[in-house]
Amino acid sequence: MGADGIFASARRVVMREIEASLTQVEEKQARSLVEAITGRRRVFLLGAGRSKLAVDGFAMRLTHLGLTAHVVADMTTPAIGPDDLLIVCSGSGETPGVLAITRQAVQDGAGVAVVTATPDSTLAGYADLVVGLREYGEDHEPSASTQFVGTLFEQSAFVFFDCLVMVLQRTFGATAEDMFARHTNLE
């Protein structure tokens, strides 16, 4: 079917929606998150469902950058404390398990950063820093995505975290070789 086929049409919609959502992220919020990451001893990452896939990928890249990163609920995740940062990714900001874990991190004195499509959510209320990653339609106006519910947030979160990795790579002066040297060799 070529460029006019159903796949090409769907690809254009998805790419335009991701672009529209990412262009709405406030530069100040993104910079503050980079500063929070570089200013903490360890970074813990939390998400549920497909948001967890985004934080899993981000945790891997933080490790490649030489940072100490842990995904919440992995068997080897240590106790969190005051010198640590918890980054929580949740579109709704209302997932019960995510809220419970975030409350515990706050009680234990950790810093909390939230990446969410719902900056006025319960989860955002626990955060020291909130990054709004809202759904925007192709016209760059707040609207519902044409994709299945939550999909645009999850896609945008994954790409947003990859953008942060590029910024952190420059911040630390890490080369691709440095990062690859930290990539797993147990594959």
C-alpha atoms as a PDB file:
ATOM      1  CA  MET A   1       0.000   0.000   0.000  1.00  0.00           C
ATOM      2  CA  GLY A   2       3.004   2.324   0.350  1.00  0.00           C
ATOM      3  CA  ALA A   3       2.920   5.771   1.958  1.00  0.00           C
ATOM      4  CA  ASP A   4      -0.862   5.981   1.742  1.00  0.00           C
ATOM      5  CA  GLY A   5      -1.547   2.700   3.555  1.00  0.00           C
ATOM      6  CA  ILE A   6      -3.218   2.139   6.891  1.00  0.00           C
ATOM      7  CA  PHE A   7       0.108   1.611   8.695  1.00  0.00           C
ATOM      8  CA  ALA A   8       1.550   4.858   7.322  1.00  0.00           C
ATOM      9  CA  SER A   9      -1.572   6.714   8.381  1.00  0.00           C
ATOM     10  CA  ALA A  10      -1.420   5.272  11.913  1.00  0.00           C
ATOM     11  CA  ARG A  11       2.330   6.022  12.141  1.00  0.00           C
ATOM     12  CA  ARG A  12       1.745   9.661  11.252  1.00  0.00           C
ATOM     13  CA  VAL A  13      -0.930  10.024  13.939  1.00  0.00           C
ATOM     14  CA  VAL A  14       1.224   8.385  16.630  1.00  0.00           C
ATOM     15  CA  MET A  15       4.305  10.447  15.777  1.00  0.00           C
ATOM     16  CA  ARG A  16       2.369  13.739  15.668  1.00  0.00           C
ATOM     17  CA  GLU A  17       0.701  13.000  19.014  1.00  0.00           C
ATOM     18  CA  ILE A  18       4.014  12.149  20.719  1.00  0.00           C
ATOM     19  CA  GLU A  19       5.596  15.306  19.285  1.00  0.00           C
ATOM     20  CA  ALA A  20       2.634  17.420  20.426  1.00  0.00           C
ATOM     21  CA  SER A  21       2.828  16.025  23.972  1.00  0.00           C
ATOM     22  CA  LEU A  22       6.599  16.378  24.320  1.00  0.00           C
ATOM     23  CA  THR A  23       6.628  19.964  23.071  1.00  0.00           C
ATOM     24  CA  GLN A  24       4.347  20.881  25.969  1.00  0.00           C
ATOM     25  CA  VAL A  25       6.805  19.709  28.656  1.00  0.00           C
ATOM     26  CA  GLU A  26       8.105  22.741  30.514  1.00  0.00           C
ATOM     27  CA  GLU A  27      11.864  23.188  30.146  1.00  0.00           C
ATOM     28  CA  LYS A  28      12.132  24.267  33.797  1.00  0.00           C
ATOM     29  CA  GLN A  29      10.517  21.026  34.970  1.00  0.00           C
ATOM     30  CA  ALA A  30      12.824  18.889  32.830  1.00  0.00           C
ATOM     31  CA  ARG A  31      15.902  20.786  34.062  1.00  0.00           C
ATOM     32  CA  SER A  32      14.754  20.430  37.663  1.00  0.00           C
ATOM     33  CA  LEU A  33      14.421  16.689  37.210  1.00  0.00           C
ATOM     34  CA  VAL A  34      17.941  16.465  35.785  1.00  0.00           C
ATOM     35  CA  GLU A  35      19.230  18.434  38.797  1.00  0.00           C
ATOM     36  CA  ALA A  36      17.309  16.190  41.187  1.00  0.00           C
ATOM     37  CA  ILE A  37      18.817  13.084  39.579  1.00  0.00           C
ATOM     38  CA  THR A  38      22.370  14.401  39.691  1.00  0.00           C
ATOM     39  CA  GLY A  39      21.965  15.645  43.255  1.00  0.00           C
ATOM     40  CA  ARG A  40      20.984  12.339  44.842  1.00  0.00           C
ATOM     41  CA  ARG A  41      22.952   9.296  45.909  1.00  0.00           C
ATOM     42  CA  ARG A  42      20.595   6.766  44.336  1.00  0.00           C
ATOM     43  CA  VAL A  43      17.591   6.907  42.035  1.00  0.00           C
ATOM     44  CA  PHE A  44      14.603   4.624  42.517  1.00  0.00           C
ATOM     45  CA  LEU A  45      12.023   4.279  39.750  1.00  0.00           C
ATOM     46  CA  LEU A  46       8.376   3.335  40.089  1.00  0.00           C
ATOM     47  CA  GLY A  47       5.619   2.695  37.589  1.00  0.00           C
ATOM     48  CA  ALA A  48       2.797   0.212  37.077  1.00  0.00           C
ATOM     49  CA  GLY A  49       1.708  -1.527  33.900  1.00  0.00           C
ATOM     50  CA  ARG A  50       3.088   0.032  30.732  1.00  0.00           C
ATOM     51  CA  SER A  51       4.445   2.996  32.708  1.00  0.00           C
ATOM     52  CA  LYS A  52       6.712   0.485  34.438  1.00  0.00           C
ATOM     53  CA  LEU A  53       8.144  -0.459  31.043  1.00  0.00           C
ATOM     54  CA  ALA A  54       9.147   3.177  30.559  1.00  0.00           C
ATOM     55  CA  VAL A  55      10.861   3.356  33.971  1.00  0.00           C
ATOM     56  CA  ASP A  56      12.574   0.007  33.407  1.00  0.00           C
ATOM     57  CA  GLY A  57      14.210   1.391  30.275  1.00  0.00           C
ATOM     58  CA  PHE A  58      15.153   4.615  32.056  1.00  0.00           C
ATOM     59  CA  ALA A  59      16.694   2.703  34.982  1.00  0.00           C
ATOM     60  CA  MET A  60      18.838   0.734  32.554  1.00  0.00           C
ATOM     61  CA  ARG A  61      20.126   3.906  30.909  1.00  0.00           C
ATOM     62  CA  LEU A  62      20.815   5.559  34.286  1.00  0.00           C
ATOM     63  CA  THR A  63      22.941   2.522  35.122  1.00  0.00           C
ATOM     64  CA  HIS A  64      24.726   2.871  31.781  1.00  0.00           C
ATOM     65  CA  LEU A  65      25.498   6.476  32.787  1.00  0.00           C
ATOM     66  CA  GLY A  66      27.154   5.205  35.970  1.00  0.00           C
ATOM     67  CA  LEU A  67      24.368   6.143  38.376  1.00  0.00           C
ATOM     68  CA  THR A  68      22.965   3.804  40.987  1.00  0.00           C
ATOM     69  CA  ALA A  69      19.394   3.075  39.886  1.00  0.00           C
ATOM     70  CA  HIS A  70      16.832   0.652  41.260  1.00  0.00           C
ATOM     71  CA  VAL A  71      13.399  -0.327  39.983  1.00  0.00           C
ATOM     72  CA  VAL A  72      10.928  -0.551  42.861  1.00  0.00           C
ATOM     73  CA  ALA A  73       9.704  -4.109  43.495  1.00  0.00           C
ATOM     74  CA  ASP A  74      12.749  -5.801  41.948  1.00  0.00           C
ATOM     75  CA  MET A  75      14.062  -8.444  44.320  1.00  0.00           C
ATOM     76  CA  THR A  76      17.363  -6.607  44.845  1.00  0.00           C
ATOM     77  CA  THR A  77      15.901  -3.153  45.551  1.00  0.00           C
ATOM     78  CA  PRO A  78      17.357  -1.814  48.827  1.00  0.00           C
ATOM     79  CA  ALA A  79      15.665   0.423  51.384  1.00  0.00           C
ATOM     80  CA  ILE A  80      15.119   4.013  50.295  1.00  0.00           C
ATOM     81  CA  GLY A  81      16.196   6.941  52.444  1.00  0.00           C
ATOM     82  CA  PRO A  82      16.772  10.697  52.714  1.00  0.00           C
ATOM     83  CA  ASP A  83      19.684  10.835  50.257  1.00  0.00           C
ATOM     84  CA  ASP A  84      17.636   9.097  47.545  1.00  0.00           C
ATOM     85  CA  LEU A  85      15.210  10.155  44.818  1.00  0.00           C
ATOM     86  CA  LEU A  86      12.076   8.264  43.828  1.00  0.00           C
ATOM     87  CA  ILE A  87      10.904   8.995  40.283  1.00  0.00           C
ATOM     88  CA  VAL A  88       7.304   7.913  39.803  1.00  0.00           C
ATOM     89  CA  CYS A  89       5.684   7.588  36.380  1.00  0.00           C
ATOM     90  CA  SER A  90       1.885   7.449  36.361  1.00  0.00           C
ATOM     91  CA  GLY A  91      -0.547   8.839  33.819  1.00  0.00           C
ATOM     92  CA  SER A  92      -3.511   9.031  36.172  1.00  0.00           C
ATOM     93  CA  GLY A  93      -1.603   9.673  39.374  1.00  0.00           C
ATOM     94  CA  GLU A  94      -4.238   7.620  41.180  1.00  0.00           C
ATOM     95  CA  THR A  95      -2.994   4.002  40.981  1.00  0.00           C
ATOM     96  CA  PRO A  96      -3.457   2.654  44.545  1.00  0.00           C
ATOM     97  CA  GLY A  97      -0.262   0.591  44.750  1.00  0.00           C
ATOM     98  CA  VAL A  98       1.835   3.434  43.338  1.00  0.00           C
ATOM     99  CA  LEU A  99       0.314   5.847  45.850  1.00  0.00           C
ATOM    100  CA  ALA A 100       1.053   3.503  48.768  1.00  0.00           C
ATOM    101  CA  ILE A 101       4.696   3.040  47.761  1.00  0.00           C
ATOM    102  CA  THR A 102       5.158   6.772  47.191  1.00  0.00           C
ATOM    103  CA  ARG A 103       3.707   7.542  50.642  1.00  0.00           C
ATOM    104  CA  GLN A 104       6.216   5.103  52.144  1.00  0.00           C
ATOM    105  CA  ALA A 105       9.120   6.787  50.334  1.00  0.00           C
ATOM    106  CA  VAL A 106       7.979  10.179  51.634  1.00  0.00           C
ATOM    107  CA  GLN A 107       7.759   8.786  55.184  1.00  0.00           C
ATOM    108  CA  ASP A 108      11.314   7.470  54.802  1.00  0.00           C
ATOM    109  CA  GLY A 109      12.555  10.919  53.795  1.00  0.00           C
ATOM    110  CA  ALA A 110      13.267  10.344  50.101  1.00  0.00           C
ATOM    111  CA  GLY A 111      12.816  13.059  47.511  1.00  0.00           C
ATOM    112  CA  VAL A 112       9.967  12.409  45.091  1.00  0.00           C
ATOM    113  CA  ALA A 113       9.631  13.443  41.455  1.00  0.00           C
ATOM    114  CA  VAL A 114       6.486  12.593  39.524  1.00  0.00           C
ATOM    115  CA  VAL A 115       6.024  12.363  35.760  1.00  0.00           C
ATOM    116  CA  THR A 116       2.293  12.404  35.093  1.00  0.00           C
ATOM    117  CA  ALA A 117      -0.453  13.370  32.688  1.00  0.00           C
ATOM    118  CA  THR A 118      -2.424  14.615  35.705  1.00  0.00           C
ATOM    119  CA  PRO A 119      -0.448  17.298  37.587  1.00  0.00           C
ATOM    120  CA  ASP A 120      -3.347  17.856  40.015  1.00  0.00           C
ATOM    121  CA  SER A 121      -3.529  14.169  41.009  1.00  0.00           C
ATOM    122  CA  THR A 122      -3.166  12.671  44.466  1.00  0.00           C
ATOM    123  CA  LEU A 123       0.280  11.377  43.478  1.00  0.00           C
ATOM    124  CA  ALA A 124       1.482  14.842  42.462  1.00  0.00           C
ATOM    125  CA  GLY A 125       0.547  16.025  45.954  1.00  0.00           C
ATOM    126  CA  TYR A 126       3.348  13.856  47.388  1.00  0.00           C
ATOM    127  CA  ALA A 127       5.984  15.202  44.997  1.00  0.00           C
ATOM    128  CA  ASP A 128       8.782  17.694  45.475  1.00  0.00           C
ATOM    129  CA  LEU A 129       8.805  18.051  41.679  1.00  0.00           C
ATOM    130  CA  VAL A 130       6.121  17.370  39.084  1.00  0.00           C
ATOM    131  CA  VAL A 131       6.701  17.047  35.353  1.00  0.00           C
ATOM    132  CA  GLY A 132       3.468  17.450  33.426  1.00  0.00           C
ATOM    133  CA  LEU A 133       3.367  15.125  30.450  1.00  0.00           C
ATOM    134  CA  ARG A 134      -0.160  15.709  29.232  1.00  0.00           C
ATOM    135  CA  GLU A 135      -1.887  14.278  26.208  1.00  0.00           C
ATOM    136  CA  TYR A 136      -2.109  16.720  23.325  1.00  0.00           C
ATOM    137  CA  GLY A 137      -3.791  16.135  20.018  1.00  0.00           C
ATOM    138  CA  GLU A 138      -2.189  16.613  16.653  1.00  0.00           C
ATOM    139  CA  ASP A 139      -3.245  20.276  16.740  1.00  0.00           C
ATOM    140  CA  HIS A 140      -1.093  20.823  19.895  1.00  0.00           C
ATOM    141  CA  GLU A 141      -4.236  21.529  21.919  1.00  0.00           C
ATOM    142  CA  PRO A 142      -5.166  19.549  25.051  1.00  0.00           C
ATOM    143  CA  SER A 143      -7.410  16.769  23.875  1.00  0.00           C
ATOM    144  CA  ALA A 144      -7.950  13.081  23.980  1.00  0.00           C
ATOM    145  CA  SER A 145      -5.570  10.965  21.973  1.00  0.00           C
ATOM    146  CA  THR A 146      -6.908   8.926  19.093  1.00  0.00           C
ATOM    147  CA  GLN A 147      -4.977   5.974  20.554  1.00  0.00           C
ATOM    148  CA  PHE A 148      -6.282   3.620  23.240  1.00  0.00           C
ATOM    149  CA  VAL A 149      -6.514   5.200  26.682  1.00  0.00           C
ATOM    150  CA  GLY A 150      -3.124   5.860  28.296  1.00  0.00           C
ATOM    151  CA  THR A 151      -1.086   4.788  25.286  1.00  0.00           C
ATOM    152  CA  LEU A 152       0.082   8.279  24.352  1.00  0.00           C
ATOM    153  CA  PHE A 153       1.256   8.995  27.906  1.00  0.00           C
ATOM    154  CA  GLU A 154       3.252   5.763  28.039  1.00  0.00           C
ATOM    155  CA  GLN A 155       4.848   6.357  24.642  1.00  0.00           C
ATOM    156  CA  SER A 156       5.663   9.950  25.525  1.00  0.00           C
ATOM    157  CA  ALA A 157       7.105   8.939  28.900  1.00  0.00           C
ATOM    158  CA  PHE A 158       9.503   6.489  27.258  1.00  0.00           C
ATOM    159  CA  VAL A 159      10.690   9.132  24.781  1.00  0.00           C
ATOM    160  CA  PHE A 160      10.826  11.820  27.503  1.00  0.00           C
ATOM    161  CA  PHE A 161      13.108   9.609  29.599  1.00  0.00           C
ATOM    162  CA  ASP A 162      15.326   8.986  26.563  1.00  0.00           C
ATOM    163  CA  CYS A 163      15.590  12.755  26.089  1.00  0.00           C
ATOM    164  CA  LEU A 164      16.674  13.058  29.741  1.00  0.00           C
ATOM    165  CA  VAL A 165      19.330  10.398  29.139  1.00  0.00           C
ATOM    166  CA  MET A 166      20.797  12.528  26.361  1.00  0.00           C
ATOM    167  CA  VAL A 167      20.880  15.570  28.663  1.00  0.00           C
ATOM    168  CA  LEU A 168      22.442  13.545  31.480  1.00  0.00           C
ATOM    169  CA  GLN A 169      24.993  12.071  29.081  1.00  0.00           C
ATOM    170  CA  ARG A 170      26.105  15.615  28.182  1.00  0.00           C
ATOM    171  CA  THR A 171      25.984  16.681  31.840  1.00  0.00           C
ATOM    172  CA  PHE A 172      28.328  13.876  32.893  1.00  0.00           C
ATOM    173  CA  GLY A 173      30.430  13.988  29.727  1.00  0.00           C
ATOM    174  CA  ALA A 174      29.703  10.296  29.238  1.00  0.00           C
ATOM    175  CA  THR A 175      30.603   8.853  25.871  1.00  0.00           C
ATOM    176  CA  ALA A 176      28.801   6.047  24.099  1.00  0.00           C
ATOM    177  CA  GLU A 177      31.852   3.907  24.881  1.00  0.00           C
ATOM    178  CA  ASP A 178      31.567   4.722  28.599  1.00  0.00           C
ATOM    179  CA  MET A 179      27.933   3.724  28.573  1.00  0.00           C
ATOM    180  CA  PHE A 180      28.482   0.569  26.554  1.00  0.00           C
ATOM    181  CA  ALA A 181      31.189  -0.534  29.013  1.00  0.00           C
ATOM    182  CA  ARG A 182      28.457  -0.590  31.688  1.00  0.00           C
ATOM    183  CA  HIS A 183      25.992  -2.506  29.509  1.00  0.00           C
ATOM    184  CA  THR A 184      25.298  -6.026  30.682  1.00  0.00           C
ATOM    185  CA  ASN A 185      27.610  -8.720  29.414  1.00  0.00           C
ATOM    186  CA  LEU A 186      25.335 -11.510  30.665  1.00  0.00           C
ATOM    187  CA  GLU A 187      23.223 -11.705  27.529  1.00  0.00           C
END
